[in-house]
Amino acid sequence: MKESDIIHEAGRYWVCKVQNTYTVYRSGITHSTPESSYRPDPDGLSIAIARANYLNKVNHDLQTIKDR
């Protein structure tokens, strides 16, 4: 996998096509971990992007609450 394979990024979450799925990953300090995978069609890509955006927002909101 190459960086150019990344389809969408949202904070620590990103989407890429892996074999026959669109997979959402969470970036870590030393590696990224797959979070969820979806069918390799336009709906699957849309859901994967929405999931990455949602996880980024939830993560951001929880960090904001924690910092208060």
C-alpha atoms as a PDB file:
ATOM      1  CA  MET A   1       0.000   0.000   0.000  1.00  0.00           C
ATOM      2  CA  LYS A   2       1.223   3.488  -0.874  1.00  0.00           C
ATOM      3  CA  GLU A   3       0.213   6.903   0.412  1.00  0.00           C
ATOM      4  CA  SER A   4      -1.223   7.621  -3.038  1.00  0.00           C
ATOM      5  CA  ASP A   5      -3.762   4.792  -2.408  1.00  0.00           C
ATOM      6  CA  ILE A   6      -5.498   6.898   0.259  1.00  0.00           C
ATOM      7  CA  ILE A   7      -8.911   8.009  -1.016  1.00  0.00           C
ATOM      8  CA  HIS A   8     -10.050  10.178   1.908  1.00  0.00           C
ATOM      9  CA  GLU A   9      -8.562  11.521   5.160  1.00  0.00           C
ATOM     10  CA  ALA A  10     -10.362  12.908   8.210  1.00  0.00           C
ATOM     11  CA  GLY A  11      -8.039  13.646  11.129  1.00  0.00           C
ATOM     12  CA  ARG A  12      -6.599  10.357  12.378  1.00  0.00           C
ATOM     13  CA  TYR A  13      -8.900   8.309  10.112  1.00  0.00           C
ATOM     14  CA  TRP A  14      -8.422   7.491   6.453  1.00  0.00           C
ATOM     15  CA  VAL A  15      -9.989   5.359   3.717  1.00  0.00           C
ATOM     16  CA  CYS A  16      -8.307   3.266   1.065  1.00  0.00           C
ATOM     17  CA  LYS A  17      -9.251   0.428  -1.259  1.00  0.00           C
ATOM     18  CA  VAL A  18      -7.725  -2.837  -0.070  1.00  0.00           C
ATOM     19  CA  GLN A  19      -8.267  -5.832  -2.341  1.00  0.00           C
ATOM     20  CA  ASN A  20     -12.066  -5.995  -2.682  1.00  0.00           C
ATOM     21  CA  THR A  21     -13.102  -3.580   0.082  1.00  0.00           C
ATOM     22  CA  TYR A  22     -12.979   0.053   1.107  1.00  0.00           C
ATOM     23  CA  THR A  23     -11.345   0.049   4.535  1.00  0.00           C
ATOM     24  CA  VAL A  24     -11.341   2.756   7.216  1.00  0.00           C
ATOM     25  CA  TYR A  25      -8.068   2.937   9.176  1.00  0.00           C
ATOM     26  CA  ARG A  26      -7.103   4.729  12.374  1.00  0.00           C
ATOM     27  CA  SER A  27      -3.587   6.160  12.416  1.00  0.00           C
ATOM     28  CA  GLY A  28      -1.449   5.319  15.413  1.00  0.00           C
ATOM     29  CA  ILE A  29       2.060   6.210  16.548  1.00  0.00           C
ATOM     30  CA  THR A  30       3.781   3.337  14.741  1.00  0.00           C
ATOM     31  CA  HIS A  31       1.096   1.898  12.450  1.00  0.00           C
ATOM     32  CA  SER A  32      -2.510   2.204  11.310  1.00  0.00           C
ATOM     33  CA  THR A  33      -5.224  -0.193  12.404  1.00  0.00           C
ATOM     34  CA  PRO A  34      -8.229  -1.185  10.265  1.00  0.00           C
ATOM     35  CA  GLU A  35     -11.456  -0.017  11.899  1.00  0.00           C
ATOM     36  CA  SER A  36     -14.082  -1.273   9.442  1.00  0.00           C
ATOM     37  CA  SER A  37     -14.481  -2.437   5.819  1.00  0.00           C
ATOM     38  CA  TYR A  38     -17.211  -1.983   3.223  1.00  0.00           C
ATOM     39  CA  ARG A  39     -18.227  -3.345  -0.172  1.00  0.00           C
ATOM     40  CA  PRO A  40     -16.217  -2.190  -3.221  1.00  0.00           C
ATOM     41  CA  ASP A  41     -19.030  -0.195  -4.831  1.00  0.00           C
ATOM     42  CA  PRO A  42     -20.088   3.476  -4.741  1.00  0.00           C
ATOM     43  CA  ASP A  43     -22.292   2.877  -1.678  1.00  0.00           C
ATOM     44  CA  GLY A  44     -19.436   1.165   0.166  1.00  0.00           C
ATOM     45  CA  LEU A  45     -17.103   4.074  -0.591  1.00  0.00           C
ATOM     46  CA  SER A  46     -19.714   6.587   0.551  1.00  0.00           C
ATOM     47  CA  ILE A  47     -20.270   4.691   3.810  1.00  0.00           C
ATOM     48  CA  ALA A  48     -16.508   4.362   4.434  1.00  0.00           C
ATOM     49  CA  ILE A  49     -16.005   8.118   3.951  1.00  0.00           C
ATOM     50  CA  ALA A  50     -18.995   8.903   6.188  1.00  0.00           C
ATOM     51  CA  ARG A  51     -17.628   6.515   8.854  1.00  0.00           C
ATOM     52  CA  ALA A  52     -14.171   8.155   8.794  1.00  0.00           C
ATOM     53  CA  ASN A  53     -15.752  11.609   9.095  1.00  0.00           C
ATOM     54  CA  TYR A  54     -18.011  10.437  11.929  1.00  0.00           C
ATOM     55  CA  LEU A  55     -15.156   8.834  13.887  1.00  0.00           C
ATOM     56  CA  ASN A  56     -13.065  11.964  13.464  1.00  0.00           C
ATOM     57  CA  LYS A  57     -15.901  14.150  14.762  1.00  0.00           C
ATOM     58  CA  VAL A  58     -16.605  11.878  17.745  1.00  0.00           C
ATOM     59  CA  ASN A  59     -12.887  11.721  18.570  1.00  0.00           C
ATOM     60  CA  HIS A  60     -12.632  15.523  18.313  1.00  0.00           C
ATOM     61  CA  ASP A  61     -15.750  16.082  20.442  1.00  0.00           C
ATOM     62  CA  LEU A  62     -14.523  13.696  23.161  1.00  0.00           C
ATOM     63  CA  GLN A  63     -11.127  15.420  23.217  1.00  0.00           C
ATOM     64  CA  THR A  64     -12.836  18.812  23.550  1.00  0.00           C
ATOM     65  CA  ILE A  65     -14.883  17.583  26.518  1.00  0.00           C
ATOM     66  CA  LYS A  66     -11.790  16.052  28.099  1.00  0.00           C
ATOM     67  CA  ASP A  67      -9.853  19.325  27.751  1.00  0.00           C
ATOM     68  CA  ARG A  68     -12.493  21.359  29.611  1.00  0.00           C
END
